[in-house]
Amino acid sequence: MLKDSILKFFKIDGLIQNLSGYIEARAELLKHEIKEEISKSLSKLSLIFALIIIFLIALVFMSVSLAFYIGQILNHVLGFIIVGSIYLVMGIIIFIYRDAIAHRLEKKLKEIVEHKKK
């Protein structure tokens, strides 16, 4: 009772209610902002994933078509060996320079994220 009268005298009870209401409102706003960012990120990620799948399928069909074309010109099996060798060389090059490539990608992603924050 004494505590309540002191709080009312200094009008601290209203201040405490306002402060707690403000904190609750900020927490709800933060929850909504996090949900919005997650949904944006997931939608972009799913779009990127779909594009990767589509480009991989196109790459497979174009590779098989190129192998058949080279096979008609030279020898049926030789076309597939040539196309496979091209991918093998590309894979070896990427493997050799993987650290430099990873560093460049990391740097680019940091630039994109920092640009997004501004």
N, C-alpha and C. Protein backbone atom coordinates (compact mmCIF):
# COMPACT_ATOMS: atom_id res chain seq x y z
N MET A 1 0.82 -1.18 0.00
CA MET A 1 0.00 0.00 0.00
C MET A 1 0.86 1.25 0.00
N LEU A 2 1.86 1.28 0.83
CA LEU A 2 2.79 2.41 0.87
C LEU A 2 3.53 2.53 -0.45
N LYS A 3 3.88 1.35 -0.99
CA LYS A 3 4.57 1.32 -2.28
C LYS A 3 3.70 1.91 -3.39
N ASP A 4 2.42 1.53 -3.41
CA ASP A 4 1.49 2.04 -4.41
C ASP A 4 1.30 3.54 -4.28
N SER A 5 1.23 4.03 -3.06
CA SER A 5 1.03 5.47 -2.87
C SER A 5 2.27 6.26 -3.27
N ILE A 6 3.45 5.69 -3.02
CA ILE A 6 4.68 6.38 -3.43
C ILE A 6 4.78 6.41 -4.95
N LEU A 7 4.43 5.26 -5.60
CA LEU A 7 4.47 5.22 -7.07
C LEU A 7 3.49 6.20 -7.67
N LYS A 8 2.30 6.30 -7.07
CA LYS A 8 1.30 7.24 -7.59
C LYS A 8 1.73 8.67 -7.36
N PHE A 9 2.39 8.90 -6.23
CA PHE A 9 2.82 10.26 -5.91
C PHE A 9 3.84 10.75 -6.94
N PHE A 10 4.75 9.91 -7.28
CA PHE A 10 5.77 10.31 -8.25
C PHE A 10 5.35 9.99 -9.69
N LYS A 11 4.14 9.45 -9.87
CA LYS A 11 3.59 9.09 -11.18
C LYS A 11 4.49 8.11 -11.92
N ILE A 12 5.11 7.27 -11.15
CA ILE A 12 6.00 6.28 -11.74
C ILE A 12 5.21 5.09 -12.27
N ASP A 13 4.04 4.81 -11.69
CA ASP A 13 3.25 3.67 -12.14
C ASP A 13 2.84 3.81 -13.60
N GLY A 14 2.47 5.01 -14.02
CA GLY A 14 2.12 5.25 -15.43
C GLY A 14 3.34 5.14 -16.32
N LEU A 15 4.47 5.61 -15.82
CA LEU A 15 5.71 5.53 -16.57
C LEU A 15 6.12 4.07 -16.77
N ILE A 16 5.96 3.27 -15.72
CA ILE A 16 6.30 1.85 -15.82
C ILE A 16 5.38 1.15 -16.81
N GLN A 17 4.09 1.47 -16.79
CA GLN A 17 3.15 0.87 -17.74
C GLN A 17 3.49 1.28 -19.17
N ASN A 18 3.81 2.55 -19.36
CA ASN A 18 4.18 3.03 -20.69
C ASN A 18 5.47 2.37 -21.19
N LEU A 19 6.42 2.24 -20.29
CA LEU A 19 7.68 1.61 -20.65
C LEU A 19 7.50 0.15 -21.00
N SER A 20 6.71 -0.56 -20.21
CA SER A 20 6.48 -1.97 -20.51
C SER A 20 5.68 -2.12 -21.81
N GLY A 21 4.74 -1.23 -22.06
CA GLY A 21 4.00 -1.24 -23.33
C GLY A 21 4.91 -0.97 -24.51
N TYR A 22 5.84 -0.03 -24.33
CA TYR A 22 6.79 0.30 -25.38
C TYR A 22 7.69 -0.90 -25.68
N ILE A 23 8.17 -1.56 -24.64
CA ILE A 23 9.04 -2.72 -24.82
C ILE A 23 8.28 -3.85 -25.54
N GLU A 24 7.03 -4.08 -25.16
CA GLU A 24 6.23 -5.11 -25.82
C GLU A 24 6.00 -4.77 -27.29
N ALA A 25 5.73 -3.50 -27.57
CA ALA A 25 5.50 -3.07 -28.95
C ALA A 25 6.77 -3.23 -29.78
N ARG A 26 7.91 -2.87 -29.20
CA ARG A 26 9.18 -3.03 -29.92
C ARG A 26 9.49 -4.50 -30.19
N ALA A 27 9.18 -5.35 -29.22
CA ALA A 27 9.42 -6.79 -29.39
C ALA A 27 8.54 -7.34 -30.52
N GLU A 28 7.28 -6.93 -30.57
CA GLU A 28 6.38 -7.37 -31.64
C GLU A 28 6.85 -6.86 -32.99
N LEU A 29 7.28 -5.60 -33.03
CA LEU A 29 7.79 -5.04 -34.27
C LEU A 29 9.03 -5.80 -34.74
N LEU A 30 9.91 -6.12 -33.82
CA LEU A 30 11.11 -6.88 -34.15
C LEU A 30 10.75 -8.27 -34.68
N LYS A 31 9.76 -8.91 -34.08
CA LYS A 31 9.31 -10.22 -34.55
C LYS A 31 8.81 -10.12 -35.99
N HIS A 32 8.01 -9.10 -36.26
CA HIS A 32 7.47 -8.93 -37.62
C HIS A 32 8.59 -8.63 -38.62
N GLU A 33 9.56 -7.81 -38.22
CA GLU A 33 10.67 -7.50 -39.12
C GLU A 33 11.50 -8.74 -39.41
N ILE A 34 11.73 -9.57 -38.39
CA ILE A 34 12.49 -10.80 -38.59
C ILE A 34 11.74 -11.75 -39.51
N LYS A 35 10.41 -11.88 -39.30
CA LYS A 35 9.61 -12.74 -40.17
C LYS A 35 9.65 -12.25 -41.61
N GLU A 36 9.60 -10.94 -41.79
CA GLU A 36 9.63 -10.37 -43.13
C GLU A 36 10.97 -10.64 -43.81
N GLU A 37 12.07 -10.45 -43.08
CA GLU A 37 13.39 -10.71 -43.64
C GLU A 37 13.58 -12.18 -43.98
N ILE A 38 13.09 -13.06 -43.11
CA ILE A 38 13.20 -14.49 -43.37
C ILE A 38 12.40 -14.87 -44.61
N SER A 39 11.18 -14.33 -44.73
CA SER A 39 10.37 -14.67 -45.90
C SER A 39 10.99 -14.13 -47.19
N LYS A 40 11.57 -12.93 -47.14
CA LYS A 40 12.24 -12.39 -48.32
C LYS A 40 13.44 -13.25 -48.69
N SER A 41 14.23 -13.63 -47.68
CA SER A 41 15.41 -14.44 -47.95
C SER A 41 15.03 -15.80 -48.50
N LEU A 42 14.01 -16.43 -47.94
CA LEU A 42 13.59 -17.73 -48.42
C LEU A 42 13.03 -17.66 -49.84
N SER A 43 12.31 -16.60 -50.14
CA SER A 43 11.78 -16.47 -51.50
C SER A 43 12.90 -16.27 -52.51
N LYS A 44 13.90 -15.46 -52.15
CA LYS A 44 15.04 -15.27 -53.04
C LYS A 44 15.83 -16.56 -53.19
N LEU A 45 16.01 -17.27 -52.09
CA LEU A 45 16.75 -18.52 -52.12
C LEU A 45 16.04 -19.56 -52.98
N SER A 46 14.72 -19.64 -52.86
CA SER A 46 13.98 -20.61 -53.68
C SER A 46 14.03 -20.23 -55.16
N LEU A 47 14.00 -18.95 -55.46
CA LEU A 47 14.11 -18.51 -56.85
C LEU A 47 15.49 -18.86 -57.41
N ILE A 48 16.53 -18.60 -56.63
CA ILE A 48 17.88 -18.93 -57.07
C ILE A 48 18.02 -20.44 -57.27
N PHE A 49 17.46 -21.22 -56.35
CA PHE A 49 17.51 -22.67 -56.46
C PHE A 49 16.80 -23.14 -57.73
N ALA A 50 15.65 -22.58 -58.03
CA ALA A 50 14.92 -22.96 -59.24
C ALA A 50 15.71 -22.59 -60.50
N LEU A 51 16.33 -21.42 -60.50
CA LEU A 51 17.13 -21.01 -61.65
C LEU A 51 18.34 -21.92 -61.84
N ILE A 52 18.97 -22.31 -60.73
CA ILE A 52 20.11 -23.21 -60.82
C ILE A 52 19.69 -24.55 -61.43
N ILE A 53 18.55 -25.07 -60.98
CA ILE A 53 18.05 -26.34 -61.52
C ILE A 53 17.79 -26.22 -63.02
N ILE A 54 17.14 -25.14 -63.42
CA ILE A 54 16.82 -24.93 -64.84
C ILE A 54 18.09 -24.82 -65.68
N PHE A 55 19.07 -24.04 -65.19
CA PHE A 55 20.32 -23.90 -65.94
C PHE A 55 21.10 -25.21 -65.99
N LEU A 56 21.06 -26.00 -64.91
CA LEU A 56 21.75 -27.29 -64.93
C LEU A 56 21.11 -28.25 -65.93
N ILE A 57 19.80 -28.25 -65.99
CA ILE A 57 19.12 -29.11 -66.96
C ILE A 57 19.46 -28.66 -68.38
N ALA A 58 19.45 -27.35 -68.62
CA ALA A 58 19.82 -26.84 -69.94
C ALA A 58 21.26 -27.19 -70.28
N LEU A 59 22.15 -27.09 -69.30
CA LEU A 59 23.55 -27.43 -69.52
C LEU A 59 23.72 -28.91 -69.87
N VAL A 60 22.98 -29.76 -69.21
CA VAL A 60 23.05 -31.20 -69.50
C VAL A 60 22.58 -31.47 -70.94
N PHE A 61 21.46 -30.88 -71.32
CA PHE A 61 20.95 -31.11 -72.68
C PHE A 61 21.91 -30.55 -73.74
N MET A 62 22.45 -29.36 -73.47
CA MET A 62 23.38 -28.79 -74.45
C MET A 62 24.67 -29.60 -74.53
N SER A 63 25.12 -30.14 -73.39
CA SER A 63 26.33 -30.97 -73.38
C SER A 63 26.11 -32.27 -74.16
N VAL A 64 24.98 -32.89 -73.94
CA VAL A 64 24.68 -34.12 -74.66
C VAL A 64 24.54 -33.83 -76.16
N SER A 65 23.89 -32.72 -76.49
CA SER A 65 23.75 -32.34 -77.91
C SER A 65 25.10 -32.08 -78.54
N LEU A 66 25.97 -31.38 -77.82
CA LEU A 66 27.31 -31.11 -78.34
C LEU A 66 28.10 -32.41 -78.51
N ALA A 67 27.96 -33.31 -77.55
CA ALA A 67 28.66 -34.59 -77.64
C ALA A 67 28.17 -35.39 -78.85
N PHE A 68 26.85 -35.41 -79.08
CA PHE A 68 26.32 -36.11 -80.26
C PHE A 68 26.80 -35.45 -81.56
N TYR A 69 26.84 -34.12 -81.57
CA TYR A 69 27.29 -33.40 -82.77
C TYR A 69 28.75 -33.72 -83.06
N ILE A 70 29.59 -33.65 -82.05
CA ILE A 70 31.01 -33.99 -82.25
C ILE A 70 31.15 -35.46 -82.63
N GLY A 71 30.30 -36.31 -82.02
CA GLY A 71 30.33 -37.73 -82.34
C GLY A 71 29.96 -38.01 -83.78
N GLN A 72 29.05 -37.24 -84.35
CA GLN A 72 28.69 -37.44 -85.76
C GLN A 72 29.84 -37.02 -86.67
N ILE A 73 30.55 -35.98 -86.25
CA ILE A 73 31.66 -35.50 -87.08
C ILE A 73 32.86 -36.45 -87.00
N LEU A 74 33.20 -36.87 -85.78
CA LEU A 74 34.41 -37.69 -85.61
C LEU A 74 34.09 -39.16 -85.41
N ASN A 75 33.63 -39.46 -84.23
CA ASN A 75 33.33 -40.84 -83.87
C ASN A 75 32.35 -40.75 -82.71
N HIS A 76 31.37 -41.61 -82.66
CA HIS A 76 30.29 -41.49 -81.67
C HIS A 76 30.81 -41.37 -80.23
N VAL A 77 31.73 -42.22 -79.83
CA VAL A 77 32.24 -42.21 -78.47
C VAL A 77 33.16 -41.02 -78.24
N LEU A 78 33.89 -40.63 -79.25
CA LEU A 78 34.86 -39.54 -79.12
C LEU A 78 34.19 -38.22 -78.75
N GLY A 79 32.99 -37.97 -79.20
CA GLY A 79 32.28 -36.74 -78.85
C GLY A 79 32.03 -36.63 -77.35
N PHE A 80 31.61 -37.74 -76.75
CA PHE A 80 31.37 -37.73 -75.31
C PHE A 80 32.68 -37.60 -74.53
N ILE A 81 33.74 -38.19 -75.05
CA ILE A 81 35.04 -38.07 -74.39
C ILE A 81 35.53 -36.63 -74.42
N ILE A 82 35.36 -35.95 -75.54
CA ILE A 82 35.80 -34.56 -75.67
C ILE A 82 35.00 -33.66 -74.72
N VAL A 83 33.69 -33.80 -74.72
CA VAL A 83 32.86 -32.96 -73.85
C VAL A 83 33.17 -33.26 -72.38
N GLY A 84 33.31 -34.52 -72.05
CA GLY A 84 33.67 -34.89 -70.68
C GLY A 84 35.02 -34.33 -70.28
N SER A 85 35.96 -34.33 -71.21
CA SER A 85 37.30 -33.80 -70.94
C SER A 85 37.25 -32.29 -70.69
N ILE A 86 36.40 -31.60 -71.43
CA ILE A 86 36.25 -30.16 -71.23
C ILE A 86 35.77 -29.88 -69.80
N TYR A 87 34.77 -30.64 -69.35
CA TYR A 87 34.28 -30.46 -67.99
C TYR A 87 35.33 -30.86 -66.96
N LEU A 88 36.10 -31.89 -67.26
CA LEU A 88 37.16 -32.32 -66.34
C LEU A 88 38.22 -31.23 -66.19
N VAL A 89 38.63 -30.63 -67.30
CA VAL A 89 39.62 -29.55 -67.25
C VAL A 89 39.07 -28.36 -66.48
N MET A 90 37.80 -28.01 -66.72
CA MET A 90 37.19 -26.90 -65.98
C MET A 90 37.16 -27.22 -64.48
N GLY A 91 36.82 -28.45 -64.13
CA GLY A 91 36.79 -28.86 -62.74
C GLY A 91 38.16 -28.79 -62.09
N ILE A 92 39.19 -29.22 -62.81
CA ILE A 92 40.56 -29.16 -62.29
C ILE A 92 40.99 -27.72 -62.07
N ILE A 93 40.68 -26.84 -63.02
CA ILE A 93 41.03 -25.42 -62.89
C ILE A 93 40.33 -24.81 -61.68
N ILE A 94 39.05 -25.10 -61.52
CA ILE A 94 38.31 -24.58 -60.36
C ILE A 94 38.89 -25.15 -59.06
N PHE A 95 39.27 -26.41 -59.06
CA PHE A 95 39.87 -27.03 -57.88
C PHE A 95 41.19 -26.37 -57.52
N ILE A 96 42.01 -26.09 -58.51
CA ILE A 96 43.31 -25.47 -58.26
C ILE A 96 43.15 -24.06 -57.71
N TYR A 97 42.23 -23.29 -58.27
CA TYR A 97 42.03 -21.90 -57.85
C TYR A 97 40.86 -21.74 -56.88
N ARG A 98 40.48 -22.79 -56.16
CA ARG A 98 39.31 -22.74 -55.29
C ARG A 98 39.44 -21.70 -54.18
N ASP A 99 40.64 -21.53 -53.60
CA ASP A 99 40.80 -20.55 -52.53
C ASP A 99 40.62 -19.13 -53.05
N ALA A 100 41.21 -18.84 -54.20
CA ALA A 100 41.07 -17.51 -54.79
C ALA A 100 39.63 -17.23 -55.19
N ILE A 101 38.97 -18.24 -55.74
CA ILE A 101 37.57 -18.09 -56.14
C ILE A 101 36.70 -17.86 -54.91
N ALA A 102 36.94 -18.65 -53.85
CA ALA A 102 36.15 -18.50 -52.62
C ALA A 102 36.38 -17.12 -52.01
N HIS A 103 37.62 -16.64 -52.04
CA HIS A 103 37.92 -15.31 -51.49
C HIS A 103 37.20 -14.22 -52.28
N ARG A 104 37.20 -14.34 -53.60
CA ARG A 104 36.51 -13.35 -54.43
C ARG A 104 35.01 -13.36 -54.19
N LEU A 105 34.43 -14.56 -54.09
CA LEU A 105 33.00 -14.67 -53.83
C LEU A 105 32.63 -14.08 -52.47
N GLU A 106 33.47 -14.37 -51.47
CA GLU A 106 33.22 -13.83 -50.13
C GLU A 106 33.29 -12.30 -50.14
N LYS A 107 34.27 -11.76 -50.86
CA LYS A 107 34.41 -10.31 -50.96
C LYS A 107 33.20 -9.69 -51.66
N LYS A 108 32.75 -10.33 -52.74
CA LYS A 108 31.57 -9.82 -53.46
C LYS A 108 30.32 -9.86 -52.59
N LEU A 109 30.13 -10.97 -51.87
CA LEU A 109 28.96 -11.09 -51.00
C LEU A 109 28.98 -10.04 -49.89
N LYS A 110 30.16 -9.76 -49.34
CA LYS A 110 30.27 -8.72 -48.32
C LYS A 110 29.88 -7.36 -48.90
N GLU A 111 30.34 -7.09 -50.12
CA GLU A 111 29.99 -5.83 -50.78
C GLU A 111 28.48 -5.73 -50.99
N ILE A 112 27.86 -6.82 -51.40
CA ILE A 112 26.42 -6.82 -51.62
C ILE A 112 25.68 -6.58 -50.33
N VAL A 113 26.10 -7.26 -49.26
CA VAL A 113 25.44 -7.11 -47.96
C VAL A 113 25.62 -5.70 -47.42
N GLU A 114 26.83 -5.15 -47.52
CA GLU A 114 27.07 -3.79 -47.04
C GLU A 114 26.31 -2.78 -47.86
N HIS A 115 26.20 -2.99 -49.15
CA HIS A 115 25.42 -2.08 -50.01
C HIS A 115 23.95 -2.14 -49.64
N LYS A 116 23.47 -3.33 -49.27
CA LYS A 116 22.07 -3.51 -48.90
C LYS A 116 21.73 -2.78 -47.60
N LYS A 117 22.70 -2.71 -46.68
CA LYS A 117 22.48 -2.06 -45.39
C LYS A 117 22.34 -0.55 -45.55
N LYS A 118 22.98 0.02 -46.57
CA LYS A 118 22.96 1.49 -46.74
C LYS A 118 21.66 1.98 -47.24
